[in-house]
Every structure is written in C-alpha cells, then in structure tokens.
PDB file of N, CA and C in Angstrom:
ATOM      1  N   MET A   1      72.066  67.876 154.981  1.00  0.00           N
ATOM      2  CA  MET A   1      71.385  68.853 153.566  1.00  0.00           C
ATOM      3  C   MET A   1      72.846  69.888 153.230  1.00  0.00           C
ATOM      4  N   LYS A   2      72.723  69.962 152.126  1.00  0.00           N
ATOM      5  CA  LYS A   2      73.956  70.926 152.033  1.00  0.00           C
ATOM      6  C   LYS A   2      73.340  71.951 150.991  1.00  0.00           C
ATOM      7  N   SER A   3      73.904  73.250 151.173  1.00  0.00           N
ATOM      8  CA  SER A   3      73.748  74.132 150.515  1.00  0.00           C
ATOM      9  C   SER A   3      74.797  75.006 150.007  1.00  0.00           C
ATOM     10  N   ILE A   4      74.820  75.267 148.823  1.00  0.00           N
ATOM     11  CA  ILE A   4      76.076  76.106 148.215  1.00  0.00           C
ATOM     12  C   ILE A   4      75.557  77.611 147.610  1.00  0.00           C
ATOM     13  N   TRP A   5      76.721  78.462 147.590  1.00  0.00           N
ATOM     14  CA  TRP A   5      76.407  79.692 147.216  1.00  0.00           C
ATOM     15  C   TRP A   5      77.585  80.135 146.160  1.00  0.00           C
ATOM     16  N   GLU A   6      77.367  80.959 145.091  1.00  0.00           N
ATOM     17  CA  GLU A   6      78.218  81.314 144.582  1.00  0.00           C
ATOM     18  C   GLU A   6      78.199  83.026 144.122  1.00  0.00           C
ATOM     19  N   ALA A   7      79.191  83.326 143.658  1.00  0.00           N
ATOM     20  CA  ALA A   7      79.640  84.923 143.428  1.00  0.00           C
ATOM     21  C   ALA A   7      80.566  84.997 142.582  1.00  0.00           C
ATOM     22  N   THR A   8      80.855  85.987 141.787  1.00  0.00           N
ATOM     23  CA  THR A   8      81.956  86.367 140.891  1.00  0.00           C
ATOM     24  C   THR A   8      82.156  87.873 141.450  1.00  0.00           C
ATOM     25  N   TYR A   9      83.605  87.852 141.554  1.00  0.00           N
ATOM     26  CA  TYR A   9      83.922  89.192 142.103  1.00  0.00           C
ATOM     27  C   TYR A   9      85.373  89.630 140.941  1.00  0.00           C
ATOM     28  N   GLU A  10      85.366  90.567 140.082  1.00  0.00           N
ATOM     29  CA  GLU A  10      86.681  90.732 139.323  1.00  0.00           C
ATOM     30  C   GLU A  10      86.929  89.346 138.683  1.00  0.00           C
ATOM     31  N   ASN A  11      86.353  88.750 138.184  1.00  0.00           N
ATOM     32  CA  ASN A  11      86.663  87.511 137.381  1.00  0.00           C
ATOM     33  C   ASN A  11      87.354  86.106 138.401  1.00  0.00           C
ATOM     34  N   ASN A  12      87.063  86.241 139.774  1.00  0.00           N
ATOM     35  CA  ASN A  12      87.396  85.501 140.674  1.00  0.00           C
ATOM     36  C   ASN A  12      86.060  84.987 141.151  1.00  0.00           C
ATOM     37  N   VAL A  13      85.856  83.532 141.175  1.00  0.00           N
ATOM     38  CA  VAL A  13      84.698  82.963 141.367  1.00  0.00           C
ATOM     39  C   VAL A  13      84.800  82.318 143.003  1.00  0.00           C
ATOM     40  N   ILE A  14      83.379  83.024 143.913  1.00  0.00           N
ATOM     41  CA  ILE A  14      83.792  82.688 145.125  1.00  0.00           C
ATOM     42  C   ILE A  14      82.590  81.557 145.503  1.00  0.00           C
ATOM     43  N   ARG A  15      82.819  80.603 146.103  1.00  0.00           N
ATOM     44  CA  ARG A  15      82.143  79.497 146.449  1.00  0.00           C
ATOM     45  C   ARG A  15      81.902  79.259 147.982  1.00  0.00           C
ATOM     46  N   ILE A  16      80.691  79.513 148.593  1.00  0.00           N
ATOM     47  CA  ILE A  16      80.432  78.920 150.011  1.00  0.00           C
ATOM     48  C   ILE A  16      79.620  77.677 149.997  1.00  0.00           C
ATOM     49  N   GLU A  17      80.352  76.941 150.703  1.00  0.00           N
ATOM     50  CA  GLU A  17      79.298  75.229 150.902  1.00  0.00           C
ATOM     51  C   GLU A  17      78.941  75.234 152.662  1.00  0.00           C
ATOM     52  N   ASN A  18      77.844  74.742 152.525  1.00  0.00           N
ATOM     53  CA  ASN A  18      77.591  74.292 154.061  1.00  0.00           C
ATOM     54  C   ASN A  18      76.847  72.868 153.768  1.00  0.00           C
ATOM     55  N   ASN A  19      77.474  72.069 154.923  1.00  0.00           N
ATOM     56  CA  ASN A  19      77.006  70.823 155.013  1.00  0.00           C
ATOM     57  C   ASN A  19      76.736  70.284 156.398  1.00  0.00           C
ATOM     58  N   TRP A  20      75.389  69.778 156.813  1.00  0.00           N
ATOM     59  CA  TRP A  20      75.634  69.601 158.346  1.00  0.00           C
ATOM     60  C   TRP A  20      76.679  68.665 158.764  1.00  0.00           C
ATOM     61  N   PHE A  21      77.227  67.638 158.121  1.00  0.00           N
ATOM     62  CA  PHE A  21      78.190  66.395 158.653  1.00  0.00           C
ATOM     63  C   PHE A  21      79.714  67.044 158.348  1.00  0.00           C
ATOM     64  N   SER A  22      79.941  67.781 157.137  1.00  0.00           N
ATOM     65  CA  SER A  22      81.155  68.284 156.861  1.00  0.00           C
ATOM     66  C   SER A  22      81.514  69.496 157.066  1.00  0.00           C
ATOM     67  N   GLY A  23      80.845  70.611 157.496  1.00  0.00           N
ATOM     68  CA  GLY A  23      81.232  71.805 158.016  1.00  0.00           C
ATOM     69  C   GLY A  23      80.874  72.908 157.003  1.00  0.00           C
ATOM     70  N   GLU A  24      81.242  74.231 157.292  1.00  0.00           N
ATOM     71  CA  GLU A  24      81.665  75.457 156.073  1.00  0.00           C
ATOM     72  C   GLU A  24      82.746  75.443 155.499  1.00  0.00           C
ATOM     73  N   LYS A  25      82.633  75.703 154.133  1.00  0.00           N
ATOM     74  CA  LYS A  25      84.011  75.988 153.451  1.00  0.00           C
ATOM     75  C   LYS A  25      83.658  76.857 152.376  1.00  0.00           C
ATOM     76  N   LEU A  26      85.066  77.720 152.572  1.00  0.00           N
ATOM     77  CA  LEU A  26      84.793  78.841 151.858  1.00  0.00           C
ATOM     78  C   LEU A  26      86.049  78.658 150.587  1.00  0.00           C
ATOM     79  N   PHE A  27      85.928  78.787 149.173  1.00  0.00           N
ATOM     80  CA  PHE A  27      86.487  78.544 148.181  1.00  0.00           C
ATOM     81  C   PHE A  27      86.643  79.697 147.104  1.00  0.00           C
ATOM     82  N   VAL A  28      87.813  80.043 146.888  1.00  0.00           N
ATOM     83  CA  VAL A  28      88.330  81.148 146.083  1.00  0.00           C
ATOM     84  C   VAL A  28      88.986  80.510 144.691  1.00  0.00           C
ATOM     85  N   ASN A  29      88.136  80.607 143.424  1.00  0.00           N
ATOM     86  CA  ASN A  29      88.701  79.940 142.273  1.00  0.00           C
ATOM     87  C   ASN A  29      89.217  78.364 142.687  1.00  0.00           C
ATOM     88  N   ASN A  30      88.286  77.846 143.034  1.00  0.00           N
ATOM     89  CA  ASN A  30      88.450  76.362 143.735  1.00  0.00           C
ATOM     90  C   ASN A  30      89.696  75.977 144.547  1.00  0.00           C
ATOM     91  N   GLN A  31      89.841  77.249 145.219  1.00  0.00           N
ATOM     92  CA  GLN A  31      91.261  76.723 146.266  1.00  0.00           C
ATOM     93  C   GLN A  31      90.271  77.093 147.809  1.00  0.00           C
ATOM     94  N   LEU A  32      90.813  76.077 148.317  1.00  0.00           N
ATOM     95  CA  LEU A  32      90.182  76.343 149.933  1.00  0.00           C
ATOM     96  C   LEU A  32      90.866  77.162 150.775  1.00  0.00           C
ATOM     97  N   GLN A  33      89.999  78.284 150.893  1.00  0.00           N
ATOM     98  CA  GLN A  33      90.513  79.129 152.056  1.00  0.00           C
ATOM     99  C   GLN A  33      90.354  79.287 153.413  1.00  0.00           C
ATOM    100  N   ASP A  34      89.184  78.788 153.540  1.00  0.00           N
ATOM    101  CA  ASP A  34      88.782  78.604 154.952  1.00  0.00           C
ATOM    102  C   ASP A  34      87.866  77.152 155.355  1.00  0.00           C
ATOM    103  N   PHE A  35      87.721  76.670 156.178  1.00  0.00           N
ATOM    104  CA  PHE A  35      86.987  75.648 157.055  1.00  0.00           C
ATOM    105  C   PHE A  35      86.686  75.683 158.448  1.00  0.00           C
ATOM    106  N   GLN A  36      85.127  75.353 158.807  1.00  0.00           N
ATOM    107  CA  GLN A  36      84.938  75.615 160.023  1.00  0.00           C
ATOM    108  C   GLN A  36      83.896  74.488 160.278  1.00  0.00           C
ATOM    109  N   VAL A  37      83.921  73.285 161.366  1.00  0.00           N
ATOM    110  CA  VAL A  37      82.596  72.507 161.663  1.00  0.00           C
ATOM    111  C   VAL A  37      82.020  73.426 162.900  1.00  0.00           C
ATOM    112  N   ASN A  38      81.085  73.958 162.998  1.00  0.00           N
ATOM    113  CA  ASN A  38      80.535  74.554 164.242  1.00  0.00           C
ATOM    114  C   ASN A  38      79.231  74.087 163.925  1.00  0.00           C
ATOM    115  N   TYR A  39      78.624  73.491 165.259  1.00  0.00           N
ATOM    116  CA  TYR A  39      77.326  73.080 165.017  1.00  0.00           C
ATOM    117  C   TYR A  39      76.334  74.059 165.858  1.00  0.00           C
ATOM    118  N   PHE A  40      76.666  74.782 166.731  1.00  0.00           N
ATOM    119  CA  PHE A  40      76.127  75.592 167.666  1.00  0.00           C
ATOM    120  C   PHE A  40      75.985  77.134 167.340  1.00  0.00           C
ATOM    121  N   ASN A  41      77.449  77.634 166.711  1.00  0.00           N
ATOM    122  CA  ASN A  41      77.500  79.294 166.863  1.00  0.00           C
ATOM    123  C   ASN A  41      77.438  79.491 164.904  1.00  0.00           C
ATOM    124  N   PRO A  42      77.122  80.679 164.499  1.00  0.00           N
ATOM    125  CA  PRO A  42      76.972  80.755 163.031  1.00  0.00           C
ATOM    126  C   PRO A  42      78.517  80.901 162.736  1.00  0.00           C
ATOM    127  N   PRO A  43      78.917  80.102 161.635  1.00  0.00           N
ATOM    128  CA  PRO A  43      80.403  80.780 161.457  1.00  0.00           C
ATOM    129  C   PRO A  43      80.519  81.881 160.650  1.00  0.00           C
ATOM    130  N   ILE A  44      81.913  82.091 160.596  1.00  0.00           N
ATOM    131  CA  ILE A  44      82.211  83.474 159.718  1.00  0.00           C
ATOM    132  C   ILE A  44      83.441  82.715 159.170  1.00  0.00           C
ATOM    133  N   LEU A  45      83.475  82.916 157.843  1.00  0.00           N
ATOM    134  CA  LEU A  45      84.600  82.388 156.839  1.00  0.00           C
ATOM    135  C   LEU A  45      85.324  83.528 156.315  1.00  0.00           C
ATOM    136  N   THR A  46      86.858  83.167 156.487  1.00  0.00           N
ATOM    137  CA  THR A  46      87.274  84.525 155.752  1.00  0.00           C
ATOM    138  C   THR A  46      88.453  84.001 155.069  1.00  0.00           C
ATOM    139  N   GLY A  47      88.663  85.050 153.728  1.00  0.00           N
ATOM    140  CA  GLY A  47      89.611  84.809 152.959  1.00  0.00           C
ATOM    141  C   GLY A  47      90.150  85.817 151.965  1.00  0.00           C
ATOM    142  N   HIS A  48      90.678  85.344 151.226  1.00  0.00           N
ATOM    143  CA  HIS A  48      91.302  86.980 150.207  1.00  0.00           C
ATOM    144  C   HIS A  48      91.231  86.491 148.945  1.00  0.00           C
ATOM    145  N   ILE A  49      91.475  87.668 148.160  1.00  0.00           N
ATOM    146  CA  ILE A  49      91.622  87.705 146.442  1.00  0.00           C
ATOM    147  C   ILE A  49      92.941  88.486 146.124  1.00  0.00           C
ATOM    148  N   LYS A  50      93.677  87.618 145.512  1.00  0.00           N
ATOM    149  CA  LYS A  50      94.794  88.471 145.216  1.00  0.00           C
ATOM    150  C   LYS A  50      94.549  89.111 144.059  1.00  0.00           C
ATOM    151  N   ASN A  51      94.778  90.729 143.749  1.00  0.00           N
ATOM    152  CA  ASN A  51      94.826  91.331 143.062  1.00  0.00           C
ATOM    153  C   ASN A  51      95.899  91.978 142.406  1.00  0.00           C
ATOM    154  N   ASN A  52      96.404  92.143 141.523  1.00  0.00           N
ATOM    155  CA  ASN A  52      97.986  91.943 141.586  1.00  0.00           C
ATOM    156  C   ASN A  52      98.985  91.589 142.581  1.00  0.00           C
ATOM    157  N   GLN A  53      99.313  92.911 143.589  1.00  0.00           N
ATOM    158  CA  GLN A  53      99.949  92.603 144.551  1.00  0.00           C
ATOM    159  C   GLN A  53      99.336  92.852 145.595  1.00  0.00           C
ATOM    160  N   GLU A  54      98.020  93.100 145.684  1.00  0.00           N
ATOM    161  CA  GLU A  54      97.212  93.562 146.886  1.00  0.00           C
ATOM    162  C   GLU A  54      96.186  92.138 147.081  1.00  0.00           C
ATOM    163  N   ARG A  55      96.019  92.344 148.625  1.00  0.00           N
ATOM    164  CA  ARG A  55      95.054  91.353 148.958  1.00  0.00           C
ATOM    165  C   ARG A  55      93.729  92.034 149.317  1.00  0.00           C
ATOM    166  N   ILE A  56      92.613  91.245 148.656  1.00  0.00           N
ATOM    167  CA  ILE A  56      91.434  92.002 149.252  1.00  0.00           C
ATOM    168  C   ILE A  56      90.825  90.852 150.171  1.00  0.00           C
ATOM    169  N   GLY A  57      90.269  91.371 151.327  1.00  0.00           N
ATOM    170  CA  GLY A  57      89.668  90.702 152.087  1.00  0.00           C
ATOM    171  C   GLY A  57      88.378  89.899 151.856  1.00  0.00           C
ATOM    172  N   ILE A  58      87.753  88.520 152.308  1.00  0.00           N
ATOM    173  CA  ILE A  58      86.709  87.942 152.053  1.00  0.00           C
ATOM    174  C   ILE A  58      86.181  87.816 153.591  1.00  0.00           C
ATOM    175  N   LYS A  59      84.931  87.744 153.762  1.00  0.00           N
ATOM    176  CA  LYS A  59      84.355  87.359 154.725  1.00  0.00           C
ATOM    177  C   LYS A  59      82.919  86.904 154.293  1.00  0.00           C
ATOM    178  N   ALA A  60      82.513  85.809 155.039  1.00  0.00           N
ATOM    179  CA  ALA A  60      81.367  85.080 154.683  1.00  0.00           C
ATOM    180  C   ALA A  60      80.461  84.832 155.887  1.00  0.00           C
ATOM    181  N   ASN A  61      79.353  85.285 156.138  1.00  0.00           N
ATOM    182  CA  ASN A  61      78.328  85.079 157.720  1.00  0.00           C
ATOM    183  C   ASN A  61      77.342  84.077 157.170  1.00  0.00           C
ATOM    184  N   LEU A  62      77.471  82.724 157.675  1.00  0.00           N
ATOM    185  CA  LEU A  62      76.305  81.976 157.611  1.00  0.00           C
ATOM    186  C   LEU A  62      75.330  82.185 158.730  1.00  0.00           C
ATOM    187  N   GLN A  63      74.184  81.861 158.420  1.00  0.00           N
ATOM    188  CA  GLN A  63      73.150  82.509 159.664  1.00  0.00           C
ATOM    189  C   GLN A  63      72.008  81.227 159.400  1.00  0.00           C
ATOM    190  N   GLN A  64      71.868  80.616 160.631  1.00  0.00           N
ATOM    191  CA  GLN A  64      71.060  79.353 160.373  1.00  0.00           C
ATOM    192  C   GLN A  64      69.456  79.703 161.378  1.00  0.00           C
ATOM    193  N   GLY A  65      68.727  79.539 160.370  1.00  0.00           N
ATOM    194  CA  GLY A  65      67.172  79.798 160.963  1.00  0.00           C
ATOM    195  C   GLY A  65      66.326  78.594 160.829  1.00  0.00           C
ATOM    196  N   PHE A  66      65.063  78.817 160.995  1.00  0.00           N
ATOM    197  CA  PHE A  66      64.383  77.791 161.295  1.00  0.00           C
ATOM    198  C   PHE A  66      63.952  77.274 159.956  1.00  0.00           C
ATOM    199  N   PHE A  67      64.062  77.743 158.591  1.00  0.00           N
ATOM    200  CA  PHE A  67      63.642  77.038 157.182  1.00  0.00           C
ATOM    201  C   PHE A  67      64.963  76.766 156.587  1.00  0.00           C
ATOM    202  N   GLY A  68      65.999  76.873 157.208  1.00  0.00           N
ATOM    203  CA  GLY A  68      67.356  76.800 156.246  1.00  0.00           C
ATOM    204  C   GLY A  68      68.693  77.930 156.525  1.00  0.00           C
ATOM    205  N   VAL A  69      69.354  77.775 156.004  1.00  0.00           N
ATOM    206  CA  VAL A  69      70.733  78.250 156.159  1.00  0.00           C
ATOM    207  C   VAL A  69      70.930  79.673 155.062  1.00  0.00           C
ATOM    208  N   ASN A  70      71.371  80.903 155.461  1.00  0.00           N
ATOM    209  CA  ASN A  70      71.234  81.902 154.423  1.00  0.00           C
ATOM    210  C   ASN A  70      73.004  82.405 154.667  1.00  0.00           C
ATOM    211  N   CYS A  71      73.260  82.897 153.673  1.00  0.00           N
ATOM    212  CA  CYS A  71      74.612  83.110 153.417  1.00  0.00           C
ATOM    213  C   CYS A  71      74.775  84.840 153.072  1.00  0.00           C
ATOM    214  N   ILE A  72      75.872  85.503 154.112  1.00  0.00           N
ATOM    215  CA  ILE A  72      75.878  86.961 153.406  1.00  0.00           C
ATOM    216  C   ILE A  72      77.503  87.077 153.046  1.00  0.00           C
ATOM    217  N   LEU A  73      77.807  87.733 151.958  1.00  0.00           N
ATOM    218  CA  LEU A  73      79.062  87.556 151.731  1.00  0.00           C
ATOM    219  C   LEU A  73      79.627  88.995 151.539  1.00  0.00           C
ATOM    220  N   PHE A  74      80.871  89.278 152.092  1.00  0.00           N
ATOM    221  CA  PHE A  74      81.454  90.962 151.854  1.00  0.00           C
ATOM    222  C   PHE A  74      83.082  90.493 151.327  1.00  0.00           C
ATOM    223  N   VAL A  75      83.321  91.383 150.112  1.00  0.00           N
ATOM    224  CA  VAL A  75      84.562  91.350 149.712  1.00  0.00           C
ATOM    225  C   VAL A  75      85.044  92.935 149.828  1.00  0.00           C
ATOM    226  N   ASP A  76      86.285  93.229 150.430  1.00  0.00           N
ATOM    227  CA  ASP A  76      86.806  94.328 150.654  1.00  0.00           C
ATOM    228  C   ASP A  76      85.643  95.271 151.481  1.00  0.00           C
ATOM    229  N   ASP A  77      84.966  94.603 152.225  1.00  0.00           N
ATOM    230  CA  ASP A  77      83.953  95.472 153.433  1.00  0.00           C
ATOM    231  C   ASP A  77      82.691  96.030 152.642  1.00  0.00           C
ATOM    232  N   GLU A  78      82.504  95.363 151.255  1.00  0.00           N
ATOM    233  CA  GLU A  78      81.342  95.427 150.598  1.00  0.00           C
ATOM    234  C   GLU A  78      80.296  94.493 150.514  1.00  0.00           C
ATOM    235  N   GLN A  79      78.899  94.508 150.662  1.00  0.00           N
ATOM    236  CA  GLN A  79      78.140  93.135 150.200  1.00  0.00           C
ATOM    237  C   GLN A  79      78.194  92.796 149.055  1.00  0.00           C
ATOM    238  N   ILE A  80      78.450  91.758 148.838  1.00  0.00           N
ATOM    239  CA  ILE A  80      78.314  91.117 147.288  1.00  0.00           C
ATOM    240  C   ILE A  80      77.217  90.257 147.162  1.00  0.00           C
ATOM    241  N   ALA A  81      76.409  90.211 145.977  1.00  0.00           N
ATOM    242  CA  ALA A  81      75.183  89.665 145.976  1.00  0.00           C
ATOM    243  C   ALA A  81      75.749  88.203 145.521  1.00  0.00           C
ATOM    244  N   LEU A  82      74.990  87.139 146.321  1.00  0.00           N
ATOM    245  CA  LEU A  82      75.467  85.853 146.122  1.00  0.00           C
ATOM    246  C   LEU A  82      74.119  85.251 145.520  1.00  0.00           C
ATOM    247  N   LYS A  83      74.416  84.083 144.282  1.00  0.00           N
ATOM    248  CA  LYS A  83      73.366  83.290 143.988  1.00  0.00           C
ATOM    249  C   LYS A  83      73.514  81.981 144.699  1.00  0.00           C
ATOM    250  N   LYS A  84      72.006  81.422 144.963  1.00  0.00           N
ATOM    251  CA  LYS A  84      72.044  80.118 145.676  1.00  0.00           C
ATOM    252  C   LYS A  84      72.051  78.830 144.767  1.00  0.00           C
ATOM    253  N   VAL A  85      73.176  78.151 144.609  1.00  0.00           N
ATOM    254  CA  VAL A  85      73.511  77.099 143.506  1.00  0.00           C
ATOM    255  C   VAL A  85      72.469  75.978 143.861  1.00  0.00           C
ATOM    256  N   LYS A  86      72.662  75.422 145.391  1.00  0.00           N
ATOM    257  CA  LYS A  86      72.155  74.499 145.727  1.00  0.00           C
ATOM    258  C   LYS A  86      71.447  74.393 147.104  1.00  0.00           C
TER     259      LYS A  86
END
C-alpha cells in the first residue's frame, strides 16, 4: 500500500511517500532529500529548503496505526498542513 502527502511552503512543493516495500521518501521540488526503509520503528525524515542563502529545516514524522499511516510535517519548527494525495 502506498500513501502520498503534499504541502506547499513558500513556493516549494514538499512530498512525502510511504510504501511498504520501498520505504519512506521525502522530496522537495521533486528532489529526493531523505530515504528510509524502516519496518518496525516510525521513521523521521529530514531535509531542507533553500531560501536565498538560508537553509530552512524540514522534518516529517510518519506514524503507523491500525488503520493506516499518518504523516506530520514541520518546516522551520512549525507544523504545516498536509494534503493526502493517495
């Protein structure tokens, strides 16, 4: 089963993908920034956005439950709303 979430932050598209077989991936503007295959522990994916000369940190927490997977996104230590695409 594959799940995909997306958000836009300051004209940057952030996408998080979770797939049982190929793992968890974090993309910023279609560039892969983090990847994990973690079957037992909830993964934390990290990346960044370049804004002029500044690097803004990104963190995505994936939480697995009985009814599926949920994702929480933080950009610059603030929670950003995600839209589940798939």
